[in-house]
């Protein structure tokens, strides 16, 4: 019997090219991060801005995004950082990191104009948007930066892209964006009445690699429940792995309103999303799940809850290894989260090649606690059944079926009540991929939003 059915389904990295001659199209290449890939090659999400993200590593320790005072001990706002870059007083990396931590791009000035800045050192660029009637307007170049300052009447809801010849691309540093029929498109300022995705660069902490943070924000004023999720690259982007989860469409279809916080994974997904060490085909993966959980608790959650109106209802959810780490985060912080969701969770981790505790053993040791749990799988059991000769579930079945059922049964034995504070769903024969998770993710989101607000 194979030990690693879920992992053997995880070996495809898709490289998607989106090309269109329409002036609003995203004529760019996304090296999409495969949520299920064992090697997990990470996506920079900035193919048209390849010199940017990696140049911002460590900028947070200098004149940076935390409103570091200048030499006159006066706090710089986003406009001052933009002007300082144009004056050659700071580097592009310093300015972009600082502005991203403040208001994001484009930068609104005290006089009501907007400064658009594109970090790219090749070719001539223009900006086009609703405010130019989608006619490209040339931008000035200064080394590795192109920029323009322009007045925009009623900026809320207006959109834009950067243009080079026949290449139209969304601003990879725009604070707010959405997706249309041509892919990602940037907002000058989002409309308060319509959903958007907000993006934050340079999330670091706990010794882990830098990554992006994406926040789905519903239309309206809030306050909203917050669902913290993993593998953020695949949650919203229609060009991501197998079309992604397209959570914005799920939310619209079902009329759900919540903040969905997508935390991008890194190249170390296999260790960051695991709670104990395990061995696969002779390779030992040393767990960093505790550090990742602290990153969520000490960096992500404070940022989100400081910037957005929240109701106090919190959940954490993911798929595959993302489902495993979701259950672990709730296990570590049971008084913080009211819901933990696992879709096709890798719940046998710990005993693939070593003999460390699987997740159900951690929950069994902790006993009944006051947060709701949702688990599911597709696939089904193996012909020989799930249990070994001693009655212990070590088989996986397909799509983690056996371990999911065993986890659910363990919680029932602890006193959790079915369909009240523990929920189980079997999507029979469903594969282990984003298409299947998109098809049923409305179930756990609906359960989460049905919980009482604390």
Protein backbone atom coordinates (compact mmCIF):
# COMPACT_ATOMS: atom_id res chain seq x y z
CA UNK A 1 0.00 0.00 0.00
CA UNK A 2 1.40 3.35 -0.83
CA UNK A 3 2.22 5.60 2.09
CA UNK A 4 2.00 8.81 0.21
CA UNK A 5 -1.10 8.90 -1.96
CA UNK A 6 -1.64 12.55 -1.26
CA UNK A 7 1.96 13.45 -2.03
CA UNK A 8 2.12 11.45 -5.21
CA UNK A 9 -0.80 13.54 -6.42
CA UNK A 10 1.19 16.67 -5.69
CA UNK A 11 3.99 16.59 -8.20
CA UNK A 12 2.80 18.91 -10.96
CA UNK A 13 3.95 22.49 -11.25
CA UNK A 14 1.99 24.45 -13.81
CA UNK A 15 3.48 27.35 -15.64
CA UNK A 16 0.63 29.29 -17.18
CA UNK A 17 0.96 32.00 -19.80
CA UNK A 18 -1.82 34.52 -20.15
CA UNK A 19 -1.61 36.49 -23.39
CA UNK A 20 -4.20 38.77 -24.98
CA UNK A 21 -4.06 41.62 -27.45
CA UNK A 22 -6.87 43.51 -25.71
CA UNK A 23 -5.56 46.69 -24.07
CA UNK A 24 -6.80 45.61 -20.66
CA UNK A 25 -5.33 42.14 -20.75
CA UNK A 26 -2.56 40.84 -18.48
CA UNK A 27 0.08 39.90 -21.03
CA UNK A 28 2.34 38.30 -18.45
CA UNK A 29 3.58 34.97 -17.21
CA UNK A 30 2.67 33.56 -13.82
CA UNK A 31 5.04 30.92 -12.49
CA UNK A 32 2.32 29.56 -10.31
CA UNK A 33 3.18 28.06 -6.96
CA UNK A 34 1.74 24.56 -6.71
CA UNK A 35 0.12 24.16 -3.36
CA UNK A 36 0.61 20.41 -3.53
CA UNK A 37 4.08 20.20 -4.97
CA UNK A 38 6.66 18.41 -2.81
CA UNK A 39 9.44 20.69 -4.04
CA UNK A 40 7.08 23.69 -3.95
CA UNK A 41 8.79 26.14 -6.29
CA UNK A 42 7.68 29.56 -5.10
CA UNK A 43 5.99 32.16 -7.30
CA UNK A 44 7.29 35.72 -7.11
CA UNK A 45 3.93 37.01 -8.44
CA UNK A 46 5.86 39.86 -10.08
CA UNK A 47 7.14 38.54 -13.39
CA UNK A 48 6.92 42.01 -14.89
CA UNK A 49 8.74 43.42 -11.89
CA UNK A 50 11.44 40.81 -11.40
CA UNK A 51 13.86 43.18 -9.73
CA UNK A 52 11.53 44.14 -6.93
CA UNK A 53 10.40 41.70 -4.27
CA UNK A 54 13.74 40.14 -3.55
CA UNK A 55 15.29 43.57 -3.22
CA UNK A 56 13.01 44.43 -0.33
CA UNK A 57 14.26 41.65 1.96
CA UNK A 58 15.73 43.26 5.07
CA UNK A 59 14.60 46.78 4.16
CA UNK A 60 12.39 46.65 7.23
CA UNK A 61 15.49 47.07 9.34
CA UNK A 62 16.45 50.47 7.86
CA UNK A 63 14.49 53.56 6.79
CA UNK A 64 11.35 51.61 6.28
CA UNK A 65 7.74 50.74 6.49
CA UNK A 66 7.40 51.22 10.21
CA UNK A 67 7.38 55.02 9.81
CA UNK A 68 11.04 55.30 10.72
CA UNK A 69 11.93 58.88 11.53
CA UNK A 70 14.22 60.77 9.20
CA UNK A 71 17.26 62.73 10.31
CA UNK A 72 15.04 65.58 11.51
CA UNK A 73 13.05 63.15 13.65
CA UNK A 74 9.90 63.82 11.63
CA UNK A 75 7.81 60.82 10.63
CA UNK A 76 7.64 60.38 6.87
CA UNK A 77 4.28 59.65 5.26
CA UNK A 78 3.87 57.81 1.95
CA UNK A 79 4.14 60.97 -0.11
CA UNK A 80 7.39 61.96 1.61
CA UNK A 81 8.88 58.55 0.81
CA UNK A 82 7.80 58.91 -2.83
CA UNK A 83 9.28 62.42 -3.07
CA UNK A 84 12.47 61.23 -1.38
CA UNK A 85 12.88 58.50 -3.99
CA UNK A 86 12.29 60.95 -6.85
CA UNK A 87 14.87 63.26 -5.30
CA UNK A 88 17.39 60.42 -5.03
CA UNK A 89 17.44 60.57 -1.22
CA UNK A 90 16.44 56.91 -0.77
CA UNK A 91 16.61 53.80 -2.92
CA UNK A 92 13.67 52.32 -4.77
CA UNK A 93 13.75 49.32 -2.43
CA UNK A 94 13.56 51.53 0.66
CA UNK A 95 10.77 53.67 -0.77
CA UNK A 96 8.66 50.75 -1.95
CA UNK A 97 8.96 48.85 1.31
CA UNK A 98 8.01 51.93 3.33
CA UNK A 99 5.09 52.93 1.11
CA UNK A 100 3.77 49.39 1.09
CA UNK A 101 3.67 49.37 4.89
CA UNK A 102 1.89 52.72 4.92
CA UNK A 103 -0.80 53.30 2.27
CA UNK A 104 0.40 51.18 -0.61
CA UNK A 105 0.38 52.32 -4.25
CA UNK A 106 -0.49 54.57 -5.95
CA UNK A 107 0.50 57.33 -3.52
CA UNK A 108 -2.06 60.04 -2.88
CA UNK A 109 -0.50 63.43 -2.19
CA UNK A 110 -1.59 66.23 0.13
CA UNK A 111 -2.63 68.25 -2.92
CA UNK A 112 -4.91 65.45 -4.15
CA UNK A 113 -2.77 64.15 -7.00
CA UNK A 114 -1.62 60.53 -7.34
CA UNK A 115 1.95 59.33 -7.88
CA UNK A 116 2.19 56.07 -9.85
CA UNK A 117 5.53 54.28 -9.57
CA UNK A 118 6.59 51.17 -11.49
CA UNK A 119 9.77 49.46 -10.32
CA UNK A 120 11.18 48.26 -13.61
CA UNK A 121 14.46 49.10 -15.30
CA UNK A 122 13.83 48.08 -18.90
CA UNK A 123 11.85 49.78 -21.65
CA UNK A 124 9.50 52.72 -21.82
CA UNK A 125 6.28 52.52 -19.85
CA UNK A 126 2.95 54.34 -19.76
CA UNK A 127 -0.05 54.24 -17.49
CA UNK A 128 -3.60 53.78 -18.73
CA UNK A 129 -6.85 53.61 -16.81
CA UNK A 130 -10.37 54.84 -16.40
CA UNK A 131 -8.94 58.30 -15.72
CA UNK A 132 -7.18 58.34 -19.15
CA UNK A 133 -10.07 56.63 -20.95
CA UNK A 134 -7.58 53.76 -21.29
CA UNK A 135 -5.29 55.77 -23.52
CA UNK A 136 -1.63 55.21 -22.46
CA UNK A 137 0.11 58.26 -20.99
CA UNK A 138 3.90 58.19 -20.90
CA UNK A 139 5.79 57.89 -17.61
CA UNK A 140 9.19 59.42 -16.77
CA UNK A 141 12.19 57.18 -16.11
CA UNK A 142 14.67 57.50 -13.27
CA UNK A 143 17.04 54.54 -13.18
CA UNK A 144 15.12 51.46 -12.05
CA UNK A 145 11.88 53.45 -11.68
CA UNK A 146 9.25 54.86 -14.00
CA UNK A 147 6.71 57.27 -12.57
CA UNK A 148 4.03 59.84 -13.21
CA UNK A 149 2.03 62.25 -11.05
CA UNK A 150 -1.48 63.10 -12.13
CA UNK A 151 -4.75 64.48 -10.80
CA UNK A 152 -7.69 62.06 -10.69
CA UNK A 153 -11.20 63.21 -9.94
CA UNK A 154 -13.27 60.75 -7.90
CA UNK A 155 -10.62 57.99 -7.74
CA UNK A 156 -12.79 55.41 -5.92
CA UNK A 157 -13.48 52.47 -8.20
CA UNK A 158 -11.15 53.65 -10.96
CA UNK A 159 -8.75 51.06 -12.35
CA UNK A 160 -5.44 51.13 -14.19
CA UNK A 161 -2.58 49.14 -15.73
CA UNK A 162 0.97 49.79 -16.83
CA UNK A 163 1.67 49.61 -20.56
CA UNK A 164 4.81 48.85 -22.57
CA UNK A 165 4.26 48.52 -26.33
CA UNK A 166 1.51 45.86 -26.57
CA UNK A 167 2.12 44.61 -23.02
CA UNK A 168 -0.56 45.55 -20.45
CA UNK A 169 0.13 44.54 -16.86
CA UNK A 170 -1.44 45.13 -13.48
CA UNK A 171 0.60 47.05 -10.94
CA UNK A 172 2.27 44.33 -8.82
CA UNK A 173 2.57 46.79 -5.92
CA UNK A 174 -0.98 48.20 -6.05
CA UNK A 175 -2.56 47.97 -2.63
CA UNK A 176 -5.96 46.95 -4.02
CA UNK A 177 -6.93 44.94 -7.06
CA UNK A 178 -9.54 42.57 -8.47
CA UNK A 179 -9.85 40.16 -11.35
CA UNK A 180 -11.79 40.70 -14.56
CA UNK A 181 -11.99 38.71 -17.77
CA UNK A 182 -8.38 39.62 -18.57
CA UNK A 183 -6.87 38.76 -15.19
CA UNK A 184 -5.63 41.04 -12.42
CA UNK A 185 -6.44 44.74 -12.65
CA UNK A 186 -5.33 47.45 -10.21
CA UNK A 187 -7.40 50.01 -8.33
CA UNK A 188 -6.43 53.65 -7.90
CA UNK A 189 -8.69 53.46 -4.88
CA UNK A 190 -11.26 50.68 -4.34
CA UNK A 191 -14.96 51.34 -4.19
CA UNK A 192 -16.30 50.83 -0.66
CA UNK A 193 -19.34 49.09 -2.13
CA UNK A 194 -17.51 46.33 -4.00
CA UNK A 195 -15.18 43.50 -3.00
CA UNK A 196 -11.45 43.82 -3.51
CA UNK A 197 -8.18 42.10 -2.64
CA UNK A 198 -5.56 44.05 -0.71
CA UNK A 199 -1.91 43.04 -0.98
CA UNK A 200 0.96 43.45 1.49
CA UNK A 201 4.57 42.70 0.59
CA UNK A 202 7.44 41.74 2.83
CA UNK A 203 5.70 39.70 5.52
CA UNK A 204 8.55 38.38 7.67
CA UNK A 205 9.05 36.97 11.13
CA UNK A 206 10.12 34.00 13.24
CA UNK A 207 13.14 33.37 11.02
CA UNK A 208 10.95 32.29 8.10
CA UNK A 209 11.22 33.43 4.51
CA UNK A 210 9.51 36.59 3.32
CA UNK A 211 6.15 36.23 1.64
CA UNK A 212 3.07 38.08 0.40
CA UNK A 213 -0.18 38.59 2.28
CA UNK A 214 -3.50 38.97 0.45
CA UNK A 215 -6.75 40.04 2.09
CA UNK A 216 -10.15 39.61 0.45
CA UNK A 217 -12.32 42.51 1.63
CA UNK A 218 -16.09 42.39 1.04
CA UNK A 219 -18.06 45.42 -0.02
CA UNK A 220 -19.53 47.41 2.85
CA UNK A 221 -18.23 48.76 6.09
CA UNK A 222 -17.91 45.69 8.32
CA UNK A 223 -17.18 44.58 10.95
CA UNK A 224 -16.47 41.13 9.53
CA UNK A 225 -15.40 37.69 10.75
CA UNK A 226 -11.86 36.75 9.71
CA UNK A 227 -10.77 33.45 8.18
CA UNK A 228 -6.99 33.01 8.04
CA UNK A 229 -5.93 30.74 5.17
CA UNK A 230 -2.72 29.30 3.73
CA UNK A 231 -1.31 28.86 0.22
CA UNK A 232 -2.50 32.38 -0.54
CA UNK A 233 -1.18 32.24 -4.13
CA UNK A 234 -3.95 29.83 -5.05
CA UNK A 235 -6.96 31.28 -3.26
CA UNK A 236 -8.03 34.07 -5.64
CA UNK A 237 -5.99 34.09 -8.84
CA UNK A 238 -7.86 32.39 -11.75
CA UNK A 239 -4.48 31.72 -13.39
CA UNK A 240 -3.07 29.82 -10.43
CA UNK A 241 -2.87 26.05 -10.00
CA UNK A 242 -5.83 24.39 -11.78
CA UNK A 243 -7.67 27.70 -11.78
CA UNK A 244 -7.29 28.15 -8.04
CA UNK A 245 -10.02 28.29 -5.45
CA UNK A 246 -11.56 31.50 -6.84
CA UNK A 247 -12.83 32.34 -3.40
CA UNK A 248 -14.13 35.71 -4.56
CA UNK A 249 -16.61 33.84 -6.77
CA UNK A 250 -17.57 31.48 -3.94
CA UNK A 251 -18.25 34.43 -1.66
CA UNK A 252 -20.36 36.20 -4.29
CA UNK A 253 -22.34 33.08 -5.23
CA UNK A 254 -23.36 32.36 -1.64
CA UNK A 255 -23.64 35.94 -0.41
CA UNK A 256 -20.94 35.40 2.22
CA UNK A 257 -19.22 38.37 3.86
CA UNK A 258 -15.92 37.81 5.66
CA UNK A 259 -12.31 38.85 5.51
CA UNK A 260 -10.32 36.04 3.88
CA UNK A 261 -6.64 36.37 4.69
CA UNK A 262 -4.44 34.46 2.24
CA UNK A 263 -0.90 33.89 3.50
CA UNK A 264 1.40 32.87 0.65
CA UNK A 265 3.49 29.78 1.18
CA UNK A 266 7.25 29.73 0.74
CA UNK A 267 9.72 27.22 -0.64
CA UNK A 268 9.69 25.64 2.83
CA UNK A 269 6.02 24.68 2.71
CA UNK A 270 6.76 21.06 3.60
CA UNK A 271 8.34 22.11 6.90
CA UNK A 272 6.38 25.26 7.72
CA UNK A 273 3.05 23.46 7.44
CA UNK A 274 3.99 20.48 9.62
CA UNK A 275 3.84 20.04 13.38
CA UNK A 276 6.45 17.27 13.83
CA UNK A 277 9.33 15.84 11.84
CA UNK A 278 8.63 13.09 9.35
CA UNK A 279 10.51 11.16 6.70
CA UNK A 280 9.49 10.64 3.10
CA UNK A 281 11.49 8.40 0.76
CA UNK A 282 14.62 8.82 2.85
CA UNK A 283 14.32 12.60 3.25
CA UNK A 284 13.62 13.95 6.73
CA UNK A 285 11.55 17.12 6.95
CA UNK A 286 12.24 19.10 10.12
CA UNK A 287 9.01 20.73 11.24
CA UNK A 288 8.73 24.50 11.48
CA UNK A 289 5.03 24.53 12.26
CA UNK A 290 5.51 26.23 15.62
CA UNK A 291 7.39 29.11 13.99
CA UNK A 292 4.78 29.44 11.25
CA UNK A 293 1.98 29.45 13.84
CA UNK A 294 3.77 32.28 15.66
CA UNK A 295 4.09 34.18 12.37
CA UNK A 296 0.32 34.00 11.93
CA UNK A 297 -0.35 34.92 15.55
CA UNK A 298 2.28 37.64 16.03
CA UNK A 299 2.56 39.21 12.57
CA UNK A 300 -0.44 38.41 10.39
CA UNK A 301 -3.29 38.65 12.86
CA UNK A 302 -2.19 41.97 14.42
CA UNK A 303 -1.78 43.55 10.97
CA UNK A 304 -5.20 42.44 9.79
CA UNK A 305 -7.07 43.29 12.96
CA UNK A 306 -5.44 46.72 13.18
CA UNK A 307 -6.33 47.69 9.60
CA UNK A 308 -9.82 46.24 9.14
CA UNK A 309 -13.01 46.26 11.23
CA UNK A 310 -13.41 42.74 12.61
CA UNK A 311 -16.28 41.16 14.52
CA UNK A 312 -14.16 39.01 16.85
CA UNK A 313 -15.07 35.71 15.13
CA UNK A 314 -11.86 34.06 13.89
CA UNK A 315 -11.11 30.90 11.97
CA UNK A 316 -8.16 29.20 10.32
CA UNK A 317 -8.45 26.91 7.30
CA UNK A 318 -6.47 25.26 4.51
CA UNK A 319 -6.11 22.20 2.32
CA UNK A 320 -3.68 19.29 2.26
CA UNK A 321 -0.72 20.34 4.42
CA UNK A 322 -2.56 23.65 4.82
CA UNK A 323 -5.36 21.72 6.50
CA UNK A 324 -2.85 20.05 8.81
CA UNK A 325 -1.29 23.34 9.92
CA UNK A 326 -4.73 24.90 10.39
CA UNK A 327 -5.65 22.23 12.92
CA UNK A 328 -2.26 22.69 14.59
CA UNK A 329 -2.61 26.48 14.88
CA UNK A 330 -6.01 26.06 16.54
CA UNK A 331 -4.48 23.40 18.80
CA UNK A 332 -1.75 25.84 19.89
CA UNK A 333 -4.11 28.81 20.28
CA UNK A 334 -7.46 27.34 21.34
CA UNK A 335 -8.57 30.58 23.00
CA UNK A 336 -7.91 32.65 19.88
CA UNK A 337 -9.70 30.72 17.12
CA UNK A 338 -13.34 29.70 17.06
CA UNK A 339 -13.05 27.47 14.00
CA UNK A 340 -10.47 25.23 12.34
CA UNK A 341 -11.07 23.82 8.87
CA UNK A 342 -9.16 21.10 7.02
CA UNK A 343 -9.92 20.12 3.42
CA UNK A 344 -8.14 16.90 2.44
CA UNK A 345 -5.77 17.46 5.35
CA UNK A 346 -2.52 15.52 5.52
CA UNK A 347 -3.56 14.04 8.86
CA UNK A 348 -1.20 11.08 8.70
CA UNK A 349 1.85 13.34 8.93
CA UNK A 350 4.18 12.15 11.66
CA UNK A 351 4.00 8.47 10.82
CA UNK A 352 4.87 8.32 7.13
CA UNK A 353 8.47 7.41 7.88
CA UNK A 354 8.95 8.19 11.58
CA UNK A 355 6.90 7.50 14.69
CA UNK A 356 5.81 10.95 15.83
CA UNK A 357 2.31 11.97 16.94
CA UNK A 358 -0.27 12.48 14.22
CA UNK A 359 -2.74 15.32 14.67
CA UNK A 360 -5.52 13.23 16.18
CA UNK A 361 -3.16 12.14 18.96
CA UNK A 362 -2.48 15.80 19.84
CA UNK A 363 -6.20 16.53 19.95
CA UNK A 364 -6.86 13.40 21.99
CA UNK A 365 -4.28 14.51 24.55
CA UNK A 366 -5.81 17.99 24.79
CA UNK A 367 -9.40 16.80 25.30
CA UNK A 368 -12.62 18.63 24.49
CA UNK A 369 -12.13 22.31 23.70
CA UNK A 370 -14.32 25.22 22.81
CA UNK A 371 -13.78 25.68 19.07
CA UNK A 372 -15.52 24.12 16.09
CA UNK A 373 -13.70 21.75 13.74
CA UNK A 374 -14.44 20.87 10.13
CA UNK A 375 -12.66 18.05 8.28
CA UNK A 376 -13.28 16.49 4.89
CA UNK A 377 -11.74 14.43 2.15
CA UNK A 378 -12.47 13.15 -1.29
CA UNK A 379 -11.25 9.76 -2.42
CA UNK A 380 -12.20 6.70 -0.42
CA UNK A 381 -10.84 3.78 1.63
CA UNK A 382 -8.43 1.14 0.31
CA UNK A 383 -9.80 -2.31 -0.45
CA UNK A 384 -8.11 -3.82 2.61
CA UNK A 385 -9.60 -1.23 4.96
CA UNK A 386 -8.11 1.59 6.99
CA UNK A 387 -6.90 -0.16 10.14
CA UNK A 388 -3.75 -2.18 10.69
CA UNK A 389 -3.64 -5.50 12.54
CA UNK A 390 -3.72 -3.68 15.89
CA UNK A 391 -6.67 -1.51 14.97
CA UNK A 392 -4.61 1.65 14.51
CA UNK A 393 -5.36 3.70 11.41
CA UNK A 394 -2.15 4.16 9.47
CA UNK A 395 -3.45 3.68 5.94
CA UNK A 396 -4.23 6.75 3.89
CA UNK A 397 -6.74 5.54 1.36
CA UNK A 398 -7.05 8.13 -1.38
CA UNK A 399 -7.13 11.86 -0.58
CA UNK A 400 -6.39 11.14 3.10
CA UNK A 401 -9.75 9.42 3.58
CA UNK A 402 -8.72 7.04 6.37
CA UNK A 403 -6.89 9.57 8.49
CA UNK A 404 -9.74 12.08 8.14
CA UNK A 405 -12.34 9.58 9.34
CA UNK A 406 -10.08 8.53 12.22
CA UNK A 407 -9.59 12.17 13.27
CA UNK A 408 -13.34 12.79 13.19
CA UNK A 409 -14.08 9.64 15.22
CA UNK A 410 -11.46 10.69 17.78
CA UNK A 411 -13.16 14.05 18.32
CA UNK A 412 -16.55 12.37 18.70
CA UNK A 413 -15.00 10.18 21.36
CA UNK A 414 -13.78 13.28 23.21
CA UNK A 415 -17.28 14.68 23.46
CA UNK A 416 -17.47 16.88 20.38
CA UNK A 417 -21.01 16.80 18.97
CA UNK A 418 -21.54 15.96 15.32
CA UNK A 419 -22.84 18.88 13.26
CA UNK A 420 -22.61 21.15 16.28
CA UNK A 421 -18.92 21.58 17.03
CA UNK A 422 -17.36 18.96 14.78
CA UNK A 423 -18.30 18.56 11.11
CA UNK A 424 -17.31 15.90 8.60
CA UNK A 425 -17.89 15.75 4.86
CA UNK A 426 -16.91 13.04 2.41
CA UNK A 427 -16.81 14.09 -1.23
CA UNK A 428 -16.64 10.57 -2.55
CA UNK A 429 -13.95 9.94 -5.18
CA UNK A 430 -13.11 13.63 -5.45
CA UNK A 431 -9.44 14.24 -6.39
CA UNK A 432 -6.83 16.08 -4.36
CA UNK A 433 -6.74 19.43 -6.14
CA UNK A 434 -7.99 23.01 -6.24
CA UNK A 435 -10.94 22.20 -8.47
CA UNK A 436 -12.34 19.81 -5.86
CA UNK A 437 -11.68 22.22 -3.00
CA UNK A 438 -13.34 25.08 -4.86
CA UNK A 439 -16.41 22.88 -5.40
CA UNK A 440 -16.96 22.28 -1.66
CA UNK A 441 -15.25 25.13 0.20
CA UNK A 442 -18.62 26.87 0.56
CA UNK A 443 -19.51 24.18 3.14
CA UNK A 444 -16.86 25.04 5.74
CA UNK A 445 -17.14 28.78 5.07
CA UNK A 446 -20.87 28.55 5.67
CA UNK A 447 -20.30 26.60 8.90
CA UNK A 448 -17.77 29.19 10.07
CA UNK A 449 -20.07 32.12 9.31
CA UNK A 450 -22.93 30.34 11.09
CA UNK A 451 -21.05 30.29 14.39
CA UNK A 452 -22.09 32.83 17.02
CA UNK A 453 -20.04 36.02 17.22
CA UNK A 454 -18.13 36.05 20.52
